[in-house]
């Protein structure tokens, strides 16, 4: 079993931890995308608090009616099959060697990635997460360059 990191305190949490389950379950809600996930985290603090929120609170953060209702239902234990399948897929992925998940506020989460406007709330890592802190280069180009 490979650990993920705890967003609030930093120590590893097991893949079956309730905290990681909540982060993943939130990510698998219908209509969820990074910007909305980040808005909800910024406004309400944690997936646990998000799942405890009301439809009105979630809609005020930008969630659609469908997404807000799905999140509230999941908070009450009603998890649709698609979300359950997504969670099972994540657990199987985490079982592979060198696989881990970094949560957005984890100390190991890459600082430069965290600084972009809408960083991925969950970062799926295949390999050593410490490499994400190393100096890097990037090459930007086009597959169809123009003559200009």
N, C-alpha and C. Protein backbone atom coordinates (compact mmCIF):
# COMPACT_ATOMS: atom_id res chain seq x y z
N UNK A 1 0.84 -1.16 0.00
CA UNK A 1 0.00 0.00 0.00
C UNK A 1 0.89 1.23 0.00
N UNK A 2 0.63 2.15 -0.91
CA UNK A 2 1.42 3.37 -1.00
C UNK A 2 0.65 4.51 -0.39
N UNK A 3 1.30 5.31 0.44
CA UNK A 3 0.57 6.40 1.08
C UNK A 3 0.34 7.58 0.16
N UNK A 4 -0.67 8.31 0.49
CA UNK A 4 -0.87 9.63 -0.09
C UNK A 4 -0.47 10.59 1.01
N UNK A 5 -0.54 11.86 0.75
CA UNK A 5 -0.17 12.82 1.78
C UNK A 5 -1.42 13.48 2.33
N UNK A 6 -1.35 13.83 3.60
CA UNK A 6 -2.43 14.52 4.28
C UNK A 6 -2.31 16.01 3.97
N UNK A 7 -3.37 16.63 3.47
CA UNK A 7 -3.33 18.03 3.05
C UNK A 7 -3.07 18.97 4.21
N UNK A 8 -3.63 18.74 5.36
CA UNK A 8 -3.55 19.72 6.42
C UNK A 8 -2.31 19.57 7.29
N UNK A 9 -1.87 18.37 7.52
CA UNK A 9 -0.74 18.19 8.43
C UNK A 9 0.52 17.69 7.77
N UNK A 10 0.43 17.13 6.58
CA UNK A 10 1.61 16.71 5.86
C UNK A 10 2.04 15.27 6.04
N UNK A 11 1.76 14.57 7.16
CA UNK A 11 2.24 13.21 7.27
C UNK A 11 1.48 12.28 6.34
N UNK A 12 2.09 11.18 5.96
CA UNK A 12 1.41 10.25 5.06
C UNK A 12 0.12 9.72 5.69
N UNK A 13 -0.87 9.55 4.86
CA UNK A 13 -2.10 8.89 5.28
C UNK A 13 -2.28 7.69 4.38
N UNK A 14 -2.79 6.60 4.93
CA UNK A 14 -2.97 5.39 4.14
C UNK A 14 -3.99 5.59 3.05
N UNK A 15 -3.88 4.77 2.02
CA UNK A 15 -4.77 4.93 0.88
C UNK A 15 -6.22 4.70 1.25
N UNK A 16 -6.48 4.00 2.32
CA UNK A 16 -7.86 3.77 2.72
C UNK A 16 -8.32 4.77 3.76
N UNK A 17 -7.55 5.82 3.99
CA UNK A 17 -7.95 6.80 4.99
C UNK A 17 -9.23 7.51 4.56
N UNK A 18 -9.99 7.92 5.54
CA UNK A 18 -11.22 8.65 5.25
C UNK A 18 -10.93 9.96 4.55
N UNK A 19 -9.83 10.62 4.94
CA UNK A 19 -9.50 11.91 4.33
C UNK A 19 -9.23 11.76 2.84
N UNK A 20 -8.38 10.82 2.46
CA UNK A 20 -8.07 10.63 1.05
C UNK A 20 -9.33 10.21 0.29
N UNK A 21 -10.13 9.37 0.90
CA UNK A 21 -11.39 8.95 0.27
C UNK A 21 -12.26 10.16 -0.03
N UNK A 22 -12.37 11.09 0.92
CA UNK A 22 -13.19 12.29 0.69
C UNK A 22 -12.63 13.14 -0.46
N UNK A 23 -11.29 13.33 -0.50
CA UNK A 23 -10.68 14.11 -1.58
C UNK A 23 -11.00 13.46 -2.94
N UNK A 24 -10.84 12.15 -3.01
CA UNK A 24 -11.09 11.45 -4.27
C UNK A 24 -12.58 11.44 -4.62
N UNK A 25 -13.42 11.23 -3.62
CA UNK A 25 -14.87 11.21 -3.87
C UNK A 25 -15.33 12.56 -4.40
N UNK A 26 -14.81 13.64 -3.84
CA UNK A 26 -15.18 14.97 -4.33
C UNK A 26 -14.74 15.14 -5.78
N UNK A 27 -13.56 14.65 -6.11
CA UNK A 27 -13.05 14.77 -7.48
C UNK A 27 -13.91 14.00 -8.48
N UNK A 28 -14.61 12.98 -8.01
CA UNK A 28 -15.41 12.14 -8.91
C UNK A 28 -16.89 12.53 -8.94
N UNK A 29 -17.23 13.69 -8.44
CA UNK A 29 -18.62 14.14 -8.50
C UNK A 29 -18.93 14.66 -9.90
N UNK A 30 -20.17 14.47 -10.36
CA UNK A 30 -20.52 14.96 -11.70
C UNK A 30 -20.36 16.47 -11.76
N UNK A 31 -19.77 16.94 -12.83
CA UNK A 31 -19.60 18.38 -13.02
C UNK A 31 -18.42 18.98 -12.27
N UNK A 32 -17.62 18.16 -11.61
CA UNK A 32 -16.47 18.68 -10.85
C UNK A 32 -15.30 18.92 -11.81
N UNK A 33 -14.63 20.04 -11.63
CA UNK A 33 -13.44 20.38 -12.39
C UNK A 33 -12.53 21.16 -11.45
N UNK A 34 -11.27 21.34 -11.82
CA UNK A 34 -10.27 21.92 -10.92
C UNK A 34 -10.68 23.28 -10.37
N UNK A 35 -11.15 24.16 -11.21
CA UNK A 35 -11.49 25.51 -10.73
C UNK A 35 -12.59 25.46 -9.66
N UNK A 36 -13.61 24.65 -9.89
CA UNK A 36 -14.68 24.52 -8.90
C UNK A 36 -14.16 23.86 -7.63
N UNK A 37 -13.38 22.80 -7.77
CA UNK A 37 -12.81 22.12 -6.60
C UNK A 37 -12.02 23.13 -5.76
N UNK A 38 -11.20 23.95 -6.40
CA UNK A 38 -10.40 24.94 -5.68
C UNK A 38 -11.27 26.01 -5.04
N UNK A 39 -12.31 26.46 -5.73
CA UNK A 39 -13.23 27.44 -5.14
C UNK A 39 -13.88 26.88 -3.88
N UNK A 40 -14.31 25.63 -3.96
CA UNK A 40 -14.95 25.00 -2.80
C UNK A 40 -13.96 24.87 -1.64
N UNK A 41 -12.74 24.44 -1.95
CA UNK A 41 -11.72 24.33 -0.89
C UNK A 41 -11.43 25.69 -0.27
N UNK A 42 -11.28 26.70 -1.11
CA UNK A 42 -10.96 28.03 -0.60
C UNK A 42 -12.09 28.58 0.28
N UNK A 43 -13.32 28.31 -0.10
CA UNK A 43 -14.46 28.85 0.64
C UNK A 43 -14.79 28.04 1.89
N UNK A 44 -14.68 26.72 1.79
CA UNK A 44 -15.16 25.87 2.88
C UNK A 44 -14.06 25.14 3.63
N UNK A 45 -12.85 25.08 3.10
CA UNK A 45 -11.71 24.58 3.85
C UNK A 45 -11.26 23.16 3.59
N UNK A 46 -12.16 22.22 3.45
CA UNK A 46 -11.75 20.82 3.27
C UNK A 46 -12.89 20.04 2.63
N UNK A 47 -12.57 18.89 2.02
CA UNK A 47 -13.65 18.06 1.48
C UNK A 47 -14.69 17.68 2.55
N UNK A 48 -14.23 17.42 3.76
CA UNK A 48 -15.18 17.07 4.83
C UNK A 48 -16.20 18.20 5.03
N UNK A 49 -15.72 19.43 5.06
CA UNK A 49 -16.63 20.56 5.23
C UNK A 49 -17.48 20.78 3.98
N UNK A 50 -16.92 20.51 2.82
CA UNK A 50 -17.69 20.64 1.57
C UNK A 50 -18.84 19.64 1.57
N UNK A 51 -18.57 18.40 1.95
CA UNK A 51 -19.63 17.38 1.98
C UNK A 51 -20.68 17.68 3.05
N UNK A 52 -20.32 18.49 4.03
CA UNK A 52 -21.27 18.88 5.07
C UNK A 52 -22.05 20.14 4.70
N UNK A 53 -21.69 20.77 3.60
CA UNK A 53 -22.33 22.01 3.19
C UNK A 53 -23.73 21.79 2.66
N UNK A 54 -24.42 22.90 2.46
CA UNK A 54 -25.76 22.85 1.89
C UNK A 54 -25.68 23.10 0.38
N UNK A 55 -26.75 22.76 -0.30
CA UNK A 55 -26.82 23.01 -1.74
C UNK A 55 -26.61 24.49 -2.02
N UNK A 56 -27.23 25.34 -1.21
CA UNK A 56 -27.10 26.78 -1.40
C UNK A 56 -25.65 27.25 -1.25
N UNK A 57 -24.94 26.75 -0.23
CA UNK A 57 -23.54 27.11 -0.03
C UNK A 57 -22.69 26.70 -1.23
N UNK A 58 -22.92 25.49 -1.72
CA UNK A 58 -22.13 24.98 -2.84
C UNK A 58 -22.44 25.75 -4.13
N UNK A 59 -23.70 26.07 -4.34
CA UNK A 59 -24.07 26.86 -5.51
C UNK A 59 -23.47 28.27 -5.43
N UNK A 60 -23.38 28.83 -4.23
CA UNK A 60 -22.78 30.15 -4.06
C UNK A 60 -21.30 30.14 -4.43
N UNK A 61 -20.67 28.98 -4.37
CA UNK A 61 -19.26 28.83 -4.75
C UNK A 61 -19.10 28.54 -6.23
N UNK A 62 -20.21 28.38 -6.95
CA UNK A 62 -20.13 28.16 -8.38
C UNK A 62 -20.55 26.78 -8.85
N UNK A 63 -20.95 25.91 -7.92
CA UNK A 63 -21.39 24.57 -8.32
C UNK A 63 -22.76 24.66 -8.99
N UNK A 64 -22.95 23.87 -10.01
CA UNK A 64 -24.28 23.79 -10.64
C UNK A 64 -25.23 23.12 -9.66
N UNK A 65 -26.51 23.24 -9.90
CA UNK A 65 -27.51 22.59 -9.05
C UNK A 65 -27.27 21.08 -9.01
N UNK A 66 -26.99 20.49 -10.17
CA UNK A 66 -26.75 19.04 -10.24
C UNK A 66 -25.52 18.64 -9.42
N UNK A 67 -24.44 19.40 -9.56
CA UNK A 67 -23.21 19.08 -8.84
C UNK A 67 -23.40 19.29 -7.34
N UNK A 68 -24.05 20.39 -6.96
CA UNK A 68 -24.29 20.66 -5.54
C UNK A 68 -25.13 19.56 -4.90
N UNK A 69 -26.17 19.13 -5.60
CA UNK A 69 -27.02 18.05 -5.08
C UNK A 69 -26.25 16.73 -4.98
N UNK A 70 -25.40 16.45 -5.97
CA UNK A 70 -24.61 15.21 -5.94
C UNK A 70 -23.63 15.23 -4.77
N UNK A 71 -22.99 16.38 -4.52
CA UNK A 71 -22.05 16.49 -3.41
C UNK A 71 -22.78 16.29 -2.08
N UNK A 72 -23.92 16.93 -1.93
CA UNK A 72 -24.69 16.77 -0.69
C UNK A 72 -25.15 15.33 -0.49
N UNK A 73 -25.58 14.69 -1.57
CA UNK A 73 -26.00 13.29 -1.48
C UNK A 73 -24.81 12.40 -1.09
N UNK A 74 -23.65 12.65 -1.69
CA UNK A 74 -22.46 11.87 -1.35
C UNK A 74 -22.08 12.09 0.11
N UNK A 75 -22.27 13.31 0.61
CA UNK A 75 -21.99 13.60 2.01
C UNK A 75 -22.89 12.83 2.95
N UNK A 76 -24.06 12.46 2.46
CA UNK A 76 -25.00 11.65 3.26
C UNK A 76 -24.81 10.15 3.02
N UNK A 77 -23.81 9.80 2.18
CA UNK A 77 -23.51 8.39 1.95
C UNK A 77 -24.07 7.81 0.67
N UNK A 78 -24.75 8.60 -0.14
CA UNK A 78 -25.31 8.12 -1.40
C UNK A 78 -24.30 8.38 -2.52
N UNK A 79 -23.52 7.35 -2.82
CA UNK A 79 -22.46 7.49 -3.83
C UNK A 79 -22.89 6.76 -5.10
N UNK A 80 -23.01 7.50 -6.21
CA UNK A 80 -23.42 6.84 -7.45
C UNK A 80 -22.36 5.84 -7.94
N UNK A 81 -22.82 4.91 -8.76
CA UNK A 81 -21.93 3.87 -9.26
C UNK A 81 -20.70 4.43 -9.98
N UNK A 82 -20.88 5.50 -10.76
CA UNK A 82 -19.74 6.06 -11.50
C UNK A 82 -18.67 6.57 -10.55
N UNK A 83 -19.06 7.23 -9.46
CA UNK A 83 -18.09 7.72 -8.49
C UNK A 83 -17.43 6.54 -7.76
N UNK A 84 -18.21 5.53 -7.44
CA UNK A 84 -17.66 4.35 -6.76
C UNK A 84 -16.63 3.65 -7.67
N UNK A 85 -16.94 3.56 -8.94
CA UNK A 85 -16.01 2.96 -9.90
C UNK A 85 -14.73 3.79 -9.99
N UNK A 86 -14.87 5.12 -10.02
CA UNK A 86 -13.71 6.00 -10.04
C UNK A 86 -12.83 5.81 -8.82
N UNK A 87 -13.45 5.70 -7.64
CA UNK A 87 -12.68 5.46 -6.41
C UNK A 87 -11.94 4.12 -6.47
N UNK A 88 -12.63 3.09 -6.92
CA UNK A 88 -12.00 1.77 -7.03
C UNK A 88 -10.81 1.81 -7.98
N UNK A 89 -10.95 2.54 -9.09
CA UNK A 89 -9.85 2.69 -10.04
C UNK A 89 -8.66 3.38 -9.38
N UNK A 90 -8.92 4.41 -8.61
CA UNK A 90 -7.84 5.12 -7.90
C UNK A 90 -7.13 4.21 -6.91
N UNK A 91 -7.89 3.41 -6.14
CA UNK A 91 -7.26 2.50 -5.17
C UNK A 91 -6.36 1.49 -5.89
N UNK A 92 -6.85 0.96 -7.01
CA UNK A 92 -6.03 0.00 -7.76
C UNK A 92 -4.76 0.69 -8.29
N UNK A 93 -4.90 1.91 -8.78
CA UNK A 93 -3.75 2.65 -9.29
C UNK A 93 -2.74 2.88 -8.16
N UNK A 94 -3.21 3.24 -6.97
CA UNK A 94 -2.32 3.48 -5.84
C UNK A 94 -1.57 2.22 -5.39
N UNK A 95 -2.12 1.06 -5.68
CA UNK A 95 -1.46 -0.19 -5.30
C UNK A 95 -0.20 -0.47 -6.10
N UNK A 96 -0.05 0.16 -7.24
CA UNK A 96 1.13 -0.07 -8.08
C UNK A 96 2.37 0.57 -7.43
N UNK A 97 3.52 0.00 -7.72
CA UNK A 97 4.77 0.53 -7.19
C UNK A 97 4.97 1.98 -7.63
N UNK A 98 5.47 2.79 -6.72
CA UNK A 98 5.84 4.18 -6.96
C UNK A 98 4.67 5.09 -7.33
N UNK A 99 3.45 4.69 -7.01
CA UNK A 99 2.29 5.55 -7.26
C UNK A 99 1.88 6.22 -5.96
N UNK A 100 1.59 7.51 -6.03
CA UNK A 100 1.10 8.24 -4.86
C UNK A 100 0.22 9.38 -5.33
N UNK A 101 -0.49 9.98 -4.40
CA UNK A 101 -1.33 11.12 -4.69
C UNK A 101 -0.93 12.23 -3.72
N UNK A 102 -0.65 13.40 -4.29
CA UNK A 102 -0.36 14.57 -3.46
C UNK A 102 -1.59 15.46 -3.47
N UNK A 103 -2.00 15.90 -2.30
CA UNK A 103 -3.12 16.81 -2.17
C UNK A 103 -2.63 18.24 -2.32
N UNK A 104 -3.50 19.12 -2.71
CA UNK A 104 -3.13 20.49 -3.09
C UNK A 104 -2.26 21.22 -2.07
N UNK A 105 -2.54 21.10 -0.80
CA UNK A 105 -1.78 21.83 0.21
C UNK A 105 -0.73 20.98 0.91
N UNK A 106 -0.38 19.88 0.32
CA UNK A 106 0.66 19.01 0.86
C UNK A 106 2.02 19.70 0.75
N UNK A 107 2.87 19.62 1.76
CA UNK A 107 4.20 20.23 1.65
C UNK A 107 5.01 19.69 0.47
N UNK A 108 4.74 18.48 0.03
CA UNK A 108 5.46 17.90 -1.10
C UNK A 108 4.89 18.34 -2.45
N UNK A 109 3.74 19.02 -2.45
CA UNK A 109 3.13 19.49 -3.70
C UNK A 109 4.06 20.54 -4.31
N UNK A 110 4.35 20.45 -5.59
CA UNK A 110 5.28 21.40 -6.23
C UNK A 110 4.82 22.85 -6.09
N UNK A 111 5.68 23.69 -5.53
CA UNK A 111 5.34 25.09 -5.27
C UNK A 111 4.95 25.83 -6.55
N UNK A 112 5.69 25.61 -7.62
CA UNK A 112 5.40 26.34 -8.86
C UNK A 112 4.05 25.93 -9.44
N UNK A 113 3.71 24.67 -9.29
CA UNK A 113 2.39 24.21 -9.76
C UNK A 113 1.30 24.79 -8.87
N UNK A 114 1.53 24.84 -7.57
CA UNK A 114 0.55 25.40 -6.64
C UNK A 114 0.30 26.88 -6.91
N UNK A 115 1.25 27.55 -7.54
CA UNK A 115 1.15 28.99 -7.78
C UNK A 115 0.30 29.35 -9.00
N UNK A 116 -0.05 28.39 -9.84
CA UNK A 116 -0.86 28.71 -11.01
C UNK A 116 -2.29 29.00 -10.56
N UNK A 117 -3.08 29.68 -11.38
CA UNK A 117 -4.43 30.07 -10.96
C UNK A 117 -5.33 28.92 -10.48
N UNK A 118 -5.31 27.81 -11.16
CA UNK A 118 -6.15 26.68 -10.76
C UNK A 118 -5.34 25.39 -10.75
N UNK A 119 -4.53 25.18 -9.70
CA UNK A 119 -3.71 23.98 -9.66
C UNK A 119 -4.57 22.73 -9.48
N UNK A 120 -4.10 21.61 -9.97
CA UNK A 120 -4.86 20.37 -9.75
C UNK A 120 -4.98 20.11 -8.25
N UNK A 121 -6.20 19.90 -7.75
CA UNK A 121 -6.36 19.63 -6.31
C UNK A 121 -5.68 18.33 -5.89
N UNK A 122 -5.65 17.37 -6.79
CA UNK A 122 -4.98 16.09 -6.55
C UNK A 122 -3.95 15.89 -7.65
N UNK A 123 -2.77 15.52 -7.25
CA UNK A 123 -1.72 15.28 -8.22
C UNK A 123 -1.33 13.81 -8.15
N UNK A 124 -1.59 13.09 -9.22
CA UNK A 124 -1.29 11.66 -9.29
C UNK A 124 0.16 11.52 -9.74
N UNK A 125 0.98 10.89 -8.90
CA UNK A 125 2.42 10.83 -9.15
C UNK A 125 2.84 9.39 -9.41
N UNK A 126 3.51 9.19 -10.53
CA UNK A 126 4.10 7.91 -10.86
C UNK A 126 5.61 8.10 -10.78
N UNK A 127 6.21 7.71 -9.67
CA UNK A 127 7.63 7.91 -9.44
C UNK A 127 7.86 8.61 -8.12
N UNK A 128 9.03 9.15 -7.96
CA UNK A 128 9.41 9.80 -6.71
C UNK A 128 8.86 11.22 -6.68
N UNK A 129 7.94 11.54 -5.76
CA UNK A 129 7.40 12.89 -5.69
C UNK A 129 8.46 13.95 -5.41
N UNK A 130 9.57 13.58 -4.79
CA UNK A 130 10.64 14.53 -4.51
C UNK A 130 11.21 15.12 -5.81
N UNK A 131 11.13 14.39 -6.90
CA UNK A 131 11.62 14.89 -8.19
C UNK A 131 10.85 16.12 -8.64
N UNK A 132 9.64 16.28 -8.16
CA UNK A 132 8.82 17.42 -8.56
C UNK A 132 9.33 18.74 -7.98
N UNK A 133 10.23 18.65 -7.01
CA UNK A 133 10.82 19.84 -6.40
C UNK A 133 12.15 20.22 -7.05
N UNK A 134 12.66 19.35 -7.91
CA UNK A 134 13.95 19.60 -8.56
C UNK A 134 13.82 20.68 -9.62
N UNK A 135 14.95 21.28 -10.00
CA UNK A 135 14.94 22.26 -11.08
C UNK A 135 14.53 21.56 -12.37
N UNK A 136 13.78 22.29 -13.19
CA UNK A 136 13.26 21.70 -14.42
C UNK A 136 13.40 22.70 -15.56
N UNK A 137 13.29 22.18 -16.74
CA UNK A 137 13.19 23.03 -17.92
C UNK A 137 11.93 22.62 -18.67
N UNK A 138 11.44 23.51 -19.46
CA UNK A 138 10.27 23.21 -20.27
C UNK A 138 10.52 23.73 -21.68
N UNK A 139 10.04 22.98 -22.64
CA UNK A 139 10.12 23.42 -24.02
C UNK A 139 8.70 23.61 -24.52
N UNK A 140 8.45 24.78 -25.05
CA UNK A 140 7.11 25.09 -25.55
C UNK A 140 7.23 25.27 -27.06
N UNK A 141 6.34 24.64 -27.75
CA UNK A 141 6.37 24.74 -29.20
C UNK A 141 5.02 24.47 -29.79
N UNK A 142 4.99 24.37 -31.08
CA UNK A 142 3.74 24.13 -31.77
C UNK A 142 3.91 22.92 -32.68
N UNK A 143 2.88 22.17 -32.83
CA UNK A 143 2.92 21.04 -33.75
C UNK A 143 2.72 21.49 -35.18
N UNK A 144 2.13 22.68 -35.33
CA UNK A 144 1.89 23.23 -36.66
C UNK A 144 2.42 24.66 -36.71
N UNK A 145 3.75 24.83 -36.76
CA UNK A 145 4.30 26.18 -36.77
C UNK A 145 3.93 26.92 -38.06
N UNK A 146 3.75 28.21 -37.90
CA UNK A 146 3.46 29.03 -39.08
C UNK A 146 4.77 29.58 -39.63
N UNK A 147 4.76 30.10 -40.83
CA UNK A 147 5.94 30.66 -41.46
C UNK A 147 6.32 32.00 -40.84
N UNK A 148 5.38 32.61 -40.12
CA UNK A 148 5.63 33.92 -39.51
C UNK A 148 6.55 33.76 -38.36
